[in-house]
N, C-alpha and C. Protein backbone atom coordinates (compact mmCIF):
# COMPACT_ATOMS: atom_id res chain seq x y z
N UNK A 1 24.84 28.48 8.85
CA UNK A 1 23.82 29.49 8.64
C UNK A 1 22.53 28.81 8.19
N UNK A 2 21.38 29.24 8.71
CA UNK A 2 20.08 28.69 8.34
C UNK A 2 19.55 29.42 7.11
N UNK A 3 19.00 28.63 6.17
CA UNK A 3 18.40 29.20 4.97
C UNK A 3 16.92 28.85 4.97
N UNK A 4 16.11 29.73 4.44
CA UNK A 4 14.66 29.48 4.39
C UNK A 4 14.36 28.43 3.32
N UNK A 5 13.20 27.78 3.47
CA UNK A 5 12.78 26.78 2.48
C UNK A 5 12.59 27.42 1.11
N UNK A 6 12.09 28.64 1.10
CA UNK A 6 11.86 29.34 -0.16
C UNK A 6 13.19 29.57 -0.89
N UNK A 7 14.22 29.97 -0.12
CA UNK A 7 15.54 30.18 -0.71
C UNK A 7 16.09 28.87 -1.27
N UNK A 8 15.93 27.79 -0.50
CA UNK A 8 16.41 26.48 -0.94
C UNK A 8 15.71 26.07 -2.23
N UNK A 9 14.40 26.28 -2.28
CA UNK A 9 13.63 25.94 -3.49
C UNK A 9 14.11 26.73 -4.69
N UNK A 10 14.40 28.01 -4.48
CA UNK A 10 14.87 28.86 -5.57
C UNK A 10 16.22 28.36 -6.09
N UNK A 11 17.10 27.94 -5.17
CA UNK A 11 18.41 27.42 -5.58
C UNK A 11 18.26 26.10 -6.34
N UNK A 12 17.35 25.24 -5.87
CA UNK A 12 17.11 23.97 -6.56
C UNK A 12 16.54 24.22 -7.95
N UNK A 13 15.66 25.20 -8.07
CA UNK A 13 15.10 25.55 -9.38
C UNK A 13 16.20 25.99 -10.34
N UNK A 14 17.16 26.73 -9.82
CA UNK A 14 18.25 27.19 -10.67
C UNK A 14 19.14 26.03 -11.11
N UNK A 15 19.21 24.97 -10.31
CA UNK A 15 20.05 23.81 -10.66
C UNK A 15 19.29 22.77 -11.49
N UNK A 16 17.99 22.95 -11.69
CA UNK A 16 17.19 22.02 -12.49
C UNK A 16 16.54 22.78 -13.63
N UNK A 17 15.89 22.06 -14.51
CA UNK A 17 15.18 22.69 -15.60
C UNK A 17 16.04 22.87 -16.82
N UNK A 18 15.49 23.54 -17.84
CA UNK A 18 16.19 23.68 -19.12
C UNK A 18 17.45 24.54 -19.03
N UNK A 19 17.45 25.57 -18.20
CA UNK A 19 18.64 26.42 -18.10
C UNK A 19 19.38 26.15 -16.79
N UNK A 20 19.55 24.88 -16.46
CA UNK A 20 20.17 24.50 -15.19
C UNK A 20 21.65 24.85 -15.17
N UNK A 21 22.07 25.28 -13.99
CA UNK A 21 23.50 25.56 -13.81
C UNK A 21 24.04 24.60 -12.76
N UNK A 22 25.33 24.40 -12.78
CA UNK A 22 25.94 23.46 -11.85
C UNK A 22 25.94 24.04 -10.44
N UNK A 23 26.03 23.15 -9.47
CA UNK A 23 26.08 23.57 -8.07
C UNK A 23 27.35 24.38 -7.82
N UNK A 24 28.44 24.05 -8.50
CA UNK A 24 29.70 24.77 -8.32
C UNK A 24 29.55 26.22 -8.79
N UNK A 25 28.97 26.39 -9.99
CA UNK A 25 28.81 27.74 -10.55
C UNK A 25 27.84 28.57 -9.71
N UNK A 26 26.75 27.92 -9.27
CA UNK A 26 25.76 28.62 -8.45
C UNK A 26 26.36 29.01 -7.10
N UNK A 27 27.25 28.18 -6.57
CA UNK A 27 27.87 28.50 -5.28
C UNK A 27 28.74 29.75 -5.39
N UNK A 28 29.39 29.93 -6.55
CA UNK A 28 30.20 31.13 -6.77
C UNK A 28 29.31 32.37 -6.85
N UNK A 29 28.11 32.22 -7.43
CA UNK A 29 27.21 33.35 -7.59
C UNK A 29 26.54 33.78 -6.28
N UNK A 30 26.04 32.79 -5.53
CA UNK A 30 25.21 33.14 -4.37
C UNK A 30 25.95 33.05 -3.03
N UNK A 31 27.14 32.46 -3.01
CA UNK A 31 27.91 32.41 -1.78
C UNK A 31 27.59 31.23 -0.87
N UNK A 32 26.72 30.35 -1.30
CA UNK A 32 26.41 29.14 -0.53
C UNK A 32 27.37 28.05 -1.01
N UNK A 33 27.87 27.25 -0.10
CA UNK A 33 28.83 26.22 -0.47
C UNK A 33 28.28 25.20 -1.45
N UNK A 34 29.15 24.70 -2.33
CA UNK A 34 28.73 23.72 -3.33
C UNK A 34 28.21 22.44 -2.69
N UNK A 35 28.83 21.91 -1.62
CA UNK A 35 28.28 20.70 -1.00
C UNK A 35 26.87 20.90 -0.46
N UNK A 36 26.62 22.09 0.08
CA UNK A 36 25.28 22.40 0.60
C UNK A 36 24.27 22.42 -0.53
N UNK A 37 24.62 23.07 -1.64
CA UNK A 37 23.71 23.11 -2.79
C UNK A 37 23.45 21.71 -3.35
N UNK A 38 24.49 20.91 -3.43
CA UNK A 38 24.33 19.54 -3.92
C UNK A 38 23.42 18.72 -3.01
N UNK A 39 23.56 18.94 -1.71
CA UNK A 39 22.70 18.25 -0.74
C UNK A 39 21.24 18.65 -0.93
N UNK A 40 21.00 19.94 -1.11
CA UNK A 40 19.62 20.40 -1.33
C UNK A 40 19.04 19.78 -2.60
N UNK A 41 19.86 19.68 -3.62
CA UNK A 41 19.40 19.10 -4.88
C UNK A 41 19.06 17.63 -4.70
N UNK A 42 19.91 16.87 -3.99
CA UNK A 42 19.63 15.44 -3.75
C UNK A 42 18.34 15.28 -2.94
N UNK A 43 18.19 16.08 -1.91
CA UNK A 43 16.97 16.00 -1.08
C UNK A 43 15.74 16.38 -1.88
N UNK A 44 15.88 17.34 -2.77
CA UNK A 44 14.74 17.80 -3.57
C UNK A 44 14.24 16.70 -4.50
N UNK A 45 15.15 15.85 -4.94
CA UNK A 45 14.76 14.78 -5.86
C UNK A 45 13.95 13.69 -5.17
N UNK A 46 14.02 13.58 -3.85
CA UNK A 46 13.29 12.55 -3.14
C UNK A 46 12.25 13.12 -2.19
N UNK A 47 12.00 14.40 -2.26
CA UNK A 47 11.06 15.01 -1.31
C UNK A 47 9.96 15.76 -2.05
N UNK A 48 8.96 16.22 -1.32
CA UNK A 48 7.88 17.00 -1.94
C UNK A 48 8.37 18.28 -2.58
N UNK A 49 9.56 18.75 -2.18
CA UNK A 49 10.09 19.96 -2.77
C UNK A 49 10.29 19.76 -4.27
N UNK A 50 10.51 18.52 -4.70
CA UNK A 50 10.69 18.23 -6.12
C UNK A 50 9.44 18.56 -6.91
N UNK A 51 8.30 18.30 -6.33
CA UNK A 51 7.05 18.62 -7.01
C UNK A 51 6.90 20.13 -7.16
N UNK A 52 7.33 20.86 -6.15
CA UNK A 52 7.24 22.32 -6.21
C UNK A 52 8.23 22.88 -7.22
N UNK A 53 9.33 22.19 -7.43
CA UNK A 53 10.36 22.66 -8.34
C UNK A 53 9.98 22.43 -9.80
N UNK A 54 8.80 21.91 -10.05
CA UNK A 54 8.32 21.77 -11.42
C UNK A 54 8.33 20.36 -11.95
N UNK A 55 8.75 19.38 -11.18
CA UNK A 55 8.74 18.00 -11.65
C UNK A 55 7.33 17.45 -11.53
N UNK A 56 6.77 17.01 -12.64
CA UNK A 56 5.40 16.51 -12.64
C UNK A 56 5.36 15.03 -12.33
N UNK A 57 4.31 14.63 -11.66
CA UNK A 57 4.05 13.21 -11.44
C UNK A 57 3.00 12.77 -12.45
N UNK A 58 3.04 11.50 -12.79
CA UNK A 58 2.06 10.97 -13.73
C UNK A 58 0.69 10.91 -13.07
N UNK A 59 -0.31 11.19 -13.86
CA UNK A 59 -1.68 11.17 -13.36
C UNK A 59 -2.13 9.74 -13.12
N UNK A 60 -2.86 9.53 -12.04
CA UNK A 60 -3.47 8.22 -11.78
C UNK A 60 -4.87 8.24 -12.39
N UNK A 61 -5.13 7.28 -13.24
CA UNK A 61 -6.40 7.22 -13.94
C UNK A 61 -7.35 6.28 -13.20
N UNK A 62 -8.55 6.77 -12.95
CA UNK A 62 -9.59 5.92 -12.35
C UNK A 62 -10.17 5.04 -13.45
N UNK A 63 -10.81 3.95 -13.09
CA UNK A 63 -11.42 3.09 -14.12
C UNK A 63 -12.45 3.86 -14.98
N UNK A 64 -13.19 4.76 -14.37
CA UNK A 64 -14.17 5.54 -15.12
C UNK A 64 -13.48 6.43 -16.16
N UNK A 65 -12.38 7.05 -15.76
CA UNK A 65 -11.65 7.91 -16.69
C UNK A 65 -11.06 7.09 -17.83
N UNK A 66 -10.55 5.91 -17.50
CA UNK A 66 -9.99 5.04 -18.54
C UNK A 66 -11.06 4.67 -19.57
N UNK A 67 -12.24 4.31 -19.09
CA UNK A 67 -13.32 3.95 -20.01
C UNK A 67 -13.73 5.15 -20.86
N UNK A 68 -13.77 6.33 -20.25
CA UNK A 68 -14.13 7.53 -21.00
C UNK A 68 -13.11 7.77 -22.10
N UNK A 69 -11.82 7.68 -21.78
CA UNK A 69 -10.76 7.92 -22.76
C UNK A 69 -10.80 6.88 -23.86
N UNK A 70 -10.99 5.61 -23.49
CA UNK A 70 -11.04 4.55 -24.50
C UNK A 70 -12.23 4.72 -25.43
N UNK A 71 -13.37 5.10 -24.86
CA UNK A 71 -14.55 5.33 -25.70
C UNK A 71 -14.35 6.48 -26.66
N UNK A 72 -13.78 7.56 -26.17
CA UNK A 72 -13.54 8.73 -27.03
C UNK A 72 -12.49 8.41 -28.09
N UNK A 73 -11.44 7.70 -27.72
CA UNK A 73 -10.37 7.37 -28.66
C UNK A 73 -10.86 6.43 -29.75
N UNK A 74 -11.79 5.55 -29.42
CA UNK A 74 -12.31 4.59 -30.41
C UNK A 74 -13.08 5.31 -31.52
N UNK A 75 -13.62 6.47 -31.24
CA UNK A 75 -14.43 7.19 -32.23
C UNK A 75 -13.61 8.14 -33.10
N UNK A 76 -12.32 8.26 -32.82
CA UNK A 76 -11.49 9.22 -33.54
C UNK A 76 -10.67 8.56 -34.63
N UNK A 77 -10.32 9.35 -35.64
CA UNK A 77 -9.43 8.90 -36.70
C UNK A 77 -7.98 9.09 -36.27
N UNK A 78 -7.04 8.70 -37.16
CA UNK A 78 -5.62 8.78 -36.81
C UNK A 78 -5.17 10.20 -36.52
N UNK A 79 -5.55 11.16 -37.33
CA UNK A 79 -5.12 12.55 -37.14
C UNK A 79 -5.70 13.14 -35.86
N UNK A 80 -6.94 12.84 -35.61
CA UNK A 80 -7.60 13.37 -34.42
C UNK A 80 -7.10 12.68 -33.16
N UNK A 81 -6.69 11.42 -33.30
CA UNK A 81 -6.23 10.66 -32.14
C UNK A 81 -4.98 11.27 -31.52
N UNK A 82 -4.04 11.70 -32.34
CA UNK A 82 -2.81 12.32 -31.83
C UNK A 82 -3.10 13.57 -31.03
N UNK A 83 -3.99 14.40 -31.57
CA UNK A 83 -4.36 15.63 -30.88
C UNK A 83 -5.08 15.31 -29.56
N UNK A 84 -5.96 14.31 -29.60
CA UNK A 84 -6.69 13.90 -28.39
C UNK A 84 -5.73 13.40 -27.32
N UNK A 85 -4.75 12.58 -27.73
CA UNK A 85 -3.80 12.04 -26.76
C UNK A 85 -2.96 13.16 -26.13
N UNK A 86 -2.56 14.14 -26.93
CA UNK A 86 -1.80 15.27 -26.38
C UNK A 86 -2.65 16.06 -25.38
N UNK A 87 -3.90 16.26 -25.73
CA UNK A 87 -4.81 17.01 -24.85
C UNK A 87 -5.02 16.27 -23.52
N UNK A 88 -5.07 14.95 -23.57
CA UNK A 88 -5.28 14.15 -22.36
C UNK A 88 -3.96 13.87 -21.61
N UNK A 89 -2.83 14.17 -22.25
CA UNK A 89 -1.53 13.93 -21.61
C UNK A 89 -1.14 12.46 -21.63
N UNK A 90 -1.49 11.78 -22.73
CA UNK A 90 -1.22 10.35 -22.86
C UNK A 90 -0.33 10.07 -24.06
N UNK A 91 0.31 8.92 -24.01
CA UNK A 91 1.05 8.39 -25.15
C UNK A 91 0.24 7.24 -25.73
N UNK A 92 0.59 6.86 -26.95
CA UNK A 92 -0.11 5.73 -27.56
C UNK A 92 0.09 4.46 -26.74
N UNK A 93 1.26 4.31 -26.15
CA UNK A 93 1.54 3.13 -25.32
C UNK A 93 0.61 3.11 -24.10
N UNK A 94 0.32 4.29 -23.54
CA UNK A 94 -0.60 4.37 -22.41
C UNK A 94 -2.00 3.92 -22.82
N UNK A 95 -2.42 4.38 -24.00
CA UNK A 95 -3.74 4.00 -24.51
C UNK A 95 -3.81 2.50 -24.76
N UNK A 96 -2.75 1.93 -25.32
CA UNK A 96 -2.72 0.49 -25.56
C UNK A 96 -2.76 -0.28 -24.23
N UNK A 97 -2.03 0.21 -23.23
CA UNK A 97 -2.03 -0.44 -21.92
C UNK A 97 -3.44 -0.40 -21.31
N UNK A 98 -4.13 0.73 -21.48
CA UNK A 98 -5.51 0.84 -20.98
C UNK A 98 -6.41 -0.17 -21.68
N UNK A 99 -6.25 -0.28 -22.99
CA UNK A 99 -7.06 -1.25 -23.75
C UNK A 99 -6.81 -2.67 -23.26
N UNK A 100 -5.53 -2.99 -23.06
CA UNK A 100 -5.17 -4.33 -22.59
C UNK A 100 -5.76 -4.61 -21.21
N UNK A 101 -5.71 -3.60 -20.33
CA UNK A 101 -6.29 -3.76 -18.98
C UNK A 101 -7.77 -4.06 -19.04
N UNK A 102 -8.48 -3.28 -19.84
CA UNK A 102 -9.93 -3.46 -19.95
C UNK A 102 -10.26 -4.81 -20.58
N UNK A 103 -9.52 -5.18 -21.61
CA UNK A 103 -9.74 -6.47 -22.27
C UNK A 103 -9.51 -7.62 -21.29
N UNK A 104 -8.45 -7.53 -20.54
CA UNK A 104 -8.14 -8.56 -19.55
C UNK A 104 -9.23 -8.64 -18.49
N UNK A 105 -9.69 -7.49 -18.04
CA UNK A 105 -10.74 -7.47 -17.01
C UNK A 105 -12.05 -8.05 -17.52
N UNK A 106 -12.36 -7.78 -18.79
CA UNK A 106 -13.61 -8.27 -19.35
C UNK A 106 -13.56 -9.76 -19.69
N UNK A 107 -12.37 -10.27 -20.01
CA UNK A 107 -12.27 -11.67 -20.39
C UNK A 107 -11.94 -12.58 -19.21
N UNK A 108 -11.66 -12.01 -18.07
CA UNK A 108 -11.35 -12.83 -16.89
C UNK A 108 -12.56 -13.67 -16.54
N UNK A 109 -12.31 -14.91 -16.24
CA UNK A 109 -13.39 -15.86 -15.93
C UNK A 109 -13.79 -15.72 -14.47
N UNK A 110 -14.98 -15.26 -14.23
CA UNK A 110 -15.49 -15.12 -12.86
C UNK A 110 -15.69 -16.48 -12.19
N UNK A 111 -16.16 -17.52 -12.92
CA UNK A 111 -16.35 -18.81 -12.26
C UNK A 111 -15.08 -19.37 -11.63
N UNK A 112 -13.91 -19.11 -12.24
CA UNK A 112 -12.66 -19.58 -11.64
C UNK A 112 -12.44 -18.91 -10.29
N UNK A 113 -12.73 -17.62 -10.26
CA UNK A 113 -12.58 -16.90 -8.99
C UNK A 113 -13.59 -17.43 -7.98
N UNK A 114 -14.82 -17.72 -8.45
CA UNK A 114 -15.83 -18.28 -7.56
C UNK A 114 -15.40 -19.65 -7.04
N UNK A 115 -14.84 -20.47 -7.91
CA UNK A 115 -14.40 -21.80 -7.50
C UNK A 115 -13.28 -21.70 -6.47
N UNK A 116 -12.36 -20.78 -6.70
CA UNK A 116 -11.26 -20.59 -5.74
C UNK A 116 -11.81 -20.08 -4.41
N UNK A 117 -12.77 -19.16 -4.49
CA UNK A 117 -13.38 -18.64 -3.26
C UNK A 117 -14.12 -19.74 -2.51
N UNK A 118 -14.86 -20.57 -3.25
CA UNK A 118 -15.60 -21.66 -2.60
C UNK A 118 -14.63 -22.64 -1.93
N UNK A 119 -13.53 -22.93 -2.61
CA UNK A 119 -12.55 -23.85 -2.04
C UNK A 119 -11.97 -23.25 -0.77
N UNK A 120 -11.66 -21.97 -0.79
CA UNK A 120 -11.09 -21.29 0.38
C UNK A 120 -12.09 -21.28 1.54
N UNK A 121 -13.37 -21.02 1.24
CA UNK A 121 -14.42 -21.02 2.28
C UNK A 121 -14.53 -22.40 2.90
N UNK A 122 -14.48 -23.44 2.05
CA UNK A 122 -14.58 -24.81 2.55
C UNK A 122 -13.42 -25.14 3.48
N UNK A 123 -12.20 -24.72 3.09
CA UNK A 123 -11.03 -24.94 3.94
C UNK A 123 -11.17 -24.21 5.27
N UNK A 124 -11.64 -22.99 5.22
CA UNK A 124 -11.79 -22.20 6.45
C UNK A 124 -12.86 -22.80 7.36
N UNK A 125 -13.96 -23.30 6.78
CA UNK A 125 -15.00 -23.94 7.59
C UNK A 125 -14.46 -25.21 8.25
N UNK A 126 -13.68 -25.98 7.50
CA UNK A 126 -13.08 -27.20 8.06
C UNK A 126 -12.16 -26.85 9.22
N UNK A 127 -11.34 -25.83 9.04
CA UNK A 127 -10.43 -25.40 10.10
C UNK A 127 -11.20 -24.88 11.32
N UNK A 128 -12.30 -24.17 11.08
CA UNK A 128 -13.13 -23.66 12.17
C UNK A 128 -13.73 -24.81 12.98
N UNK A 129 -14.25 -25.84 12.29
CA UNK A 129 -14.81 -27.00 13.00
C UNK A 129 -13.75 -27.70 13.83
N UNK A 130 -12.54 -27.84 13.27
CA UNK A 130 -11.44 -28.48 14.01
C UNK A 130 -11.10 -27.69 15.26
N UNK A 131 -11.04 -26.39 15.13
CA UNK A 131 -10.70 -25.55 16.28
C UNK A 131 -11.82 -25.53 17.31
N UNK A 132 -13.07 -25.59 16.86
CA UNK A 132 -14.20 -25.66 17.82
C UNK A 132 -14.14 -26.95 18.62
N UNK A 133 -13.81 -28.06 17.95
CA UNK A 133 -13.68 -29.34 18.66
C UNK A 133 -12.55 -29.28 19.68
N UNK A 134 -11.42 -28.71 19.28
CA UNK A 134 -10.28 -28.61 20.19
C UNK A 134 -10.64 -27.73 21.38
N UNK A 135 -11.37 -26.65 21.15
CA UNK A 135 -11.78 -25.77 22.24
C UNK A 135 -12.74 -26.48 23.19
N UNK A 136 -13.68 -27.25 22.64
CA UNK A 136 -14.62 -28.00 23.49
C UNK A 136 -13.87 -29.04 24.31
N UNK A 137 -12.90 -29.69 23.71
CA UNK A 137 -12.10 -30.68 24.44
C UNK A 137 -11.31 -30.01 25.56
N UNK A 138 -10.73 -28.88 25.30
CA UNK A 138 -9.97 -28.15 26.31
C UNK A 138 -10.88 -27.71 27.45
N UNK A 139 -12.09 -27.24 27.12
CA UNK A 139 -13.03 -26.83 28.16
C UNK A 139 -13.43 -28.01 29.02
N UNK A 140 -13.64 -29.16 28.39
CA UNK A 140 -14.01 -30.36 29.15
C UNK A 140 -12.87 -30.77 30.08
N UNK A 141 -11.65 -30.71 29.60
CA UNK A 141 -10.49 -31.06 30.44
C UNK A 141 -10.39 -30.11 31.63
N UNK A 142 -10.61 -28.83 31.40
CA UNK A 142 -10.55 -27.86 32.49
C UNK A 142 -11.63 -28.12 33.54
N UNK A 143 -12.83 -28.44 33.09
CA UNK A 143 -13.93 -28.73 34.02
C UNK A 143 -13.59 -29.99 34.82
N UNK A 144 -13.09 -31.03 34.16
CA UNK A 144 -12.71 -32.26 34.86
C UNK A 144 -11.59 -32.00 35.86
N UNK A 145 -10.62 -31.22 35.49
CA UNK A 145 -9.51 -30.91 36.38
C UNK A 145 -10.01 -30.15 37.62
N UNK A 146 -10.92 -29.20 37.40
CA UNK A 146 -11.48 -28.43 38.51
C UNK A 146 -12.26 -29.35 39.45
N UNK A 147 -13.09 -30.22 38.87
CA UNK A 147 -13.87 -31.15 39.69
C UNK A 147 -12.96 -32.12 40.45
N UNK A 148 -11.93 -32.58 39.78
CA UNK A 148 -11.00 -33.51 40.41
C UNK A 148 -10.25 -32.86 41.57
N UNK A 149 -9.80 -31.62 41.35
CA UNK A 149 -9.07 -30.95 42.43
C UNK A 149 -10.02 -30.62 43.58
N UNK A 150 -11.26 -30.30 43.27
CA UNK A 150 -12.23 -30.03 44.32
C UNK A 150 -12.53 -31.30 45.10
N UNK A 151 -12.60 -32.44 44.45
CA UNK A 151 -12.88 -33.71 45.09
C UNK A 151 -11.76 -34.09 46.06
N UNK A 152 -10.50 -33.96 45.58
CA UNK A 152 -9.38 -34.35 46.42
C UNK A 152 -9.08 -33.35 47.53
N UNK A 153 -9.43 -32.12 47.36
CA UNK A 153 -9.15 -31.13 48.39
C UNK A 153 -10.24 -31.08 49.45
N UNK A 154 -11.36 -31.74 49.24
CA UNK A 154 -12.44 -31.78 50.23
C UNK A 154 -11.97 -32.36 51.55
N UNK A 155 -11.21 -33.40 51.50
CA UNK A 155 -10.74 -34.08 52.71
C UNK A 155 -9.65 -33.30 53.41
N UNK A 156 -8.94 -32.43 52.74
CA UNK A 156 -7.81 -31.72 53.35
C UNK A 156 -8.25 -30.53 54.17
N UNK A 157 -9.16 -29.74 53.68
CA UNK A 157 -9.57 -28.52 54.37
C UNK A 157 -10.55 -28.89 55.48
N UNK A 158 -10.24 -28.50 56.70
CA UNK A 158 -11.13 -28.75 57.84
C UNK A 158 -11.35 -30.21 58.13
N UNK A 159 -10.39 -31.04 57.86
CA UNK A 159 -10.51 -32.49 58.08
C UNK A 159 -10.43 -32.77 59.57
N UNK A 160 -11.49 -33.33 60.12
CA UNK A 160 -11.51 -33.64 61.56
C UNK A 160 -11.78 -35.12 61.75
N UNK A 161 -10.81 -35.90 61.40
CA UNK A 161 -10.92 -37.34 61.60
C UNK A 161 -10.73 -37.64 63.09
N UNK A 162 -11.47 -38.60 63.56
CA UNK A 162 -11.38 -38.97 64.98
C UNK A 162 -10.06 -39.65 65.27
N UNK A 163 -9.46 -40.24 64.25
CA UNK A 163 -8.20 -40.94 64.46
C UNK A 163 -7.08 -39.95 64.79
N UNK A 164 -7.12 -38.74 64.24
CA UNK A 164 -6.04 -37.81 64.46
C UNK A 164 -6.22 -37.00 65.75
N UNK A 165 -7.40 -37.06 66.39
CA UNK A 165 -7.64 -36.28 67.60
C UNK A 165 -7.03 -36.92 68.85
N UNK A 166 -6.70 -38.12 68.84
CA UNK A 166 -6.22 -38.78 70.06
C UNK A 166 -4.88 -38.41 70.47
């Protein structure tokens, strides 16, 4: 029997959340087989249906948002900080991780990256020159081969030697 997506979602909702019931008990109530309900539940955990069933995903913070949060958190006291973190949906560990990220980004040495980039550019230029030389050599060989074959085939096509006419 085919079931609608809405029905499946409703059954998954009943098997998840604070007042979740087992697939066996729900199968007795609604008449759908327990293996089918268990399958819907497994699929819901790995599909977009899980998001609809109330499972939240963690927010992705942009660098601008991180800086805004860090700036605001730096101006707050201990009591206010807890309330601020709850309002923003963060834990103290998240705030510490943001601080560490920003600190690492600010202390990273740009000259090292520049030196690595310069070294890579130099290697690529060297490889490009080598390949250009190889290409020029190949082109020269092709031209010589063409000229050579044209030279030797001149006598073969339409050759009218007097010696062969007798």
